[in-house]
Amino acid sequence: SALFNFQSLLLVILLLICTCTYVRAVAPRLIDRNKEGFLGLFWMSARIGERLSPYVALACVTMAITLLVQ
């Protein structure tokens, strides 16, 4: 389960950030209309992906190398 394994939890968070950023780039209305509440988590993930994109990309590459080496 992703909740009990730290590496899997990081992978899920990275995939969430990347997916939300992509969806916001393609269809901004889907993400921007829900800025509050539980669905605001997707908006915040998209903002993190946009503002910290070099670091998110570096984290994705690092995670990919880690998974390939194991």
C-alpha atoms as a PDB file:
ATOM      1  CA  SER A   1       0.000   0.000   0.000  1.00  0.00           C
ATOM      2  CA  ALA A   2       1.221   3.499  -0.801  1.00  0.00           C
ATOM      3  CA  LEU A   3       0.422   4.786   2.677  1.00  0.00           C
ATOM      4  CA  PHE A   4       2.846   2.486   4.464  1.00  0.00           C
ATOM      5  CA  ASN A   5       5.748   2.617   2.024  1.00  0.00           C
ATOM      6  CA  PHE A   6       7.464   6.022   1.903  1.00  0.00           C
ATOM      7  CA  GLN A   7       8.815   5.559  -1.622  1.00  0.00           C
ATOM      8  CA  SER A   8       5.379   4.646  -2.946  1.00  0.00           C
ATOM      9  CA  LEU A   9       3.850   7.638  -1.169  1.00  0.00           C
ATOM     10  CA  LEU A  10       6.385   9.944  -2.819  1.00  0.00           C
ATOM     11  CA  LEU A  11       5.625   8.370  -6.187  1.00  0.00           C
ATOM     12  CA  VAL A  12       1.885   8.943  -5.749  1.00  0.00           C
ATOM     13  CA  ILE A  13       2.466  12.583  -4.749  1.00  0.00           C
ATOM     14  CA  LEU A  14       4.741  13.169  -7.752  1.00  0.00           C
ATOM     15  CA  LEU A  15       2.221  11.603 -10.119  1.00  0.00           C
ATOM     16  CA  LEU A  16      -0.557  13.732  -8.610  1.00  0.00           C
ATOM     17  CA  ILE A  17       1.471  16.923  -9.087  1.00  0.00           C
ATOM     18  CA  CYS A  18       2.434  16.056 -12.677  1.00  0.00           C
ATOM     19  CA  THR A  19      -1.091  15.001 -13.628  1.00  0.00           C
ATOM     20  CA  CYS A  20      -2.736  18.098 -12.155  1.00  0.00           C
ATOM     21  CA  THR A  21      -0.212  20.367 -13.851  1.00  0.00           C
ATOM     22  CA  TYR A  22      -0.861  18.699 -17.209  1.00  0.00           C
ATOM     23  CA  VAL A  23      -4.650  18.852 -16.823  1.00  0.00           C
ATOM     24  CA  ARG A  24      -4.445  22.539 -15.885  1.00  0.00           C
ATOM     25  CA  ALA A  25      -2.343  23.248 -18.981  1.00  0.00           C
ATOM     26  CA  VAL A  26      -4.813  21.434 -21.247  1.00  0.00           C
ATOM     27  CA  ALA A  27      -8.111  22.402 -19.595  1.00  0.00           C
ATOM     28  CA  PRO A  28      -7.628  25.132 -16.986  1.00  0.00           C
ATOM     29  CA  ARG A  29     -11.318  25.343 -16.091  1.00  0.00           C
ATOM     30  CA  LEU A  30     -11.326  21.840 -14.636  1.00  0.00           C
ATOM     31  CA  ILE A  31      -8.722  22.749 -12.038  1.00  0.00           C
ATOM     32  CA  ASP A  32      -9.384  26.464 -11.483  1.00  0.00           C
ATOM     33  CA  ARG A  33     -13.047  26.179 -10.539  1.00  0.00           C
ATOM     34  CA  ASN A  34     -12.263  24.208  -7.366  1.00  0.00           C
ATOM     35  CA  LYS A  35      -9.833  26.290  -5.332  1.00  0.00           C
ATOM     36  CA  GLU A  36     -11.298  25.477  -1.920  1.00  0.00           C
ATOM     37  CA  GLY A  37     -12.242  22.340  -0.071  1.00  0.00           C
ATOM     38  CA  PHE A  38     -11.041  18.830  -0.815  1.00  0.00           C
ATOM     39  CA  LEU A  39     -10.860  19.413  -4.570  1.00  0.00           C
ATOM     40  CA  GLY A  40      -8.610  22.408  -3.862  1.00  0.00           C
ATOM     41  CA  LEU A  41      -5.877  19.829  -3.327  1.00  0.00           C
ATOM     42  CA  PHE A  42      -5.747  19.350  -7.114  1.00  0.00           C
ATOM     43  CA  TRP A  43      -5.477  23.120  -7.646  1.00  0.00           C
ATOM     44  CA  MET A  44      -2.643  23.335  -5.119  1.00  0.00           C
ATOM     45  CA  SER A  45      -0.883  20.399  -6.783  1.00  0.00           C
ATOM     46  CA  ALA A  46      -1.122  22.144 -10.151  1.00  0.00           C
ATOM     47  CA  ARG A  47       0.309  25.341  -8.670  1.00  0.00           C
ATOM     48  CA  ILE A  48       3.211  23.426  -7.134  1.00  0.00           C
ATOM     49  CA  GLY A  49       3.894  21.779 -10.486  1.00  0.00           C
ATOM     50  CA  GLU A  50       3.870  25.114 -12.294  1.00  0.00           C
ATOM     51  CA  ARG A  51       6.004  27.064  -9.854  1.00  0.00           C
ATOM     52  CA  LEU A  52       8.498  24.359  -8.934  1.00  0.00           C
ATOM     53  CA  SER A  53       8.657  22.588 -12.300  1.00  0.00           C
ATOM     54  CA  PRO A  54      12.481  22.169 -12.423  1.00  0.00           C
ATOM     55  CA  TYR A  55      12.485  20.580  -8.974  1.00  0.00           C
ATOM     56  CA  VAL A  56       9.485  18.385  -9.759  1.00  0.00           C
ATOM     57  CA  ALA A  57      11.175  17.239 -12.967  1.00  0.00           C
ATOM     58  CA  LEU A  58      14.366  16.473 -11.060  1.00  0.00           C
ATOM     59  CA  ALA A  59      12.374  14.517  -8.481  1.00  0.00           C
ATOM     60  CA  CYS A  60      10.654  12.532 -11.256  1.00  0.00           C
ATOM     61  CA  VAL A  61      13.987  11.663 -12.888  1.00  0.00           C
ATOM     62  CA  THR A  62      15.448  10.688  -9.523  1.00  0.00           C
ATOM     63  CA  MET A  63      12.438   8.498  -8.754  1.00  0.00           C
ATOM     64  CA  ALA A  64      12.669   6.840 -12.176  1.00  0.00           C
ATOM     65  CA  ILE A  65      16.358   6.030 -11.693  1.00  0.00           C
ATOM     66  CA  THR A  66      15.668   4.709  -8.206  1.00  0.00           C
ATOM     67  CA  LEU A  67      12.916   2.435  -9.495  1.00  0.00           C
ATOM     68  CA  LEU A  68      15.069   1.159 -12.358  1.00  0.00           C
ATOM     69  CA  VAL A  69      18.020   0.375 -10.098  1.00  0.00           C
ATOM     70  CA  GLN A  70      15.939  -1.638  -7.621  1.00  0.00           C
END
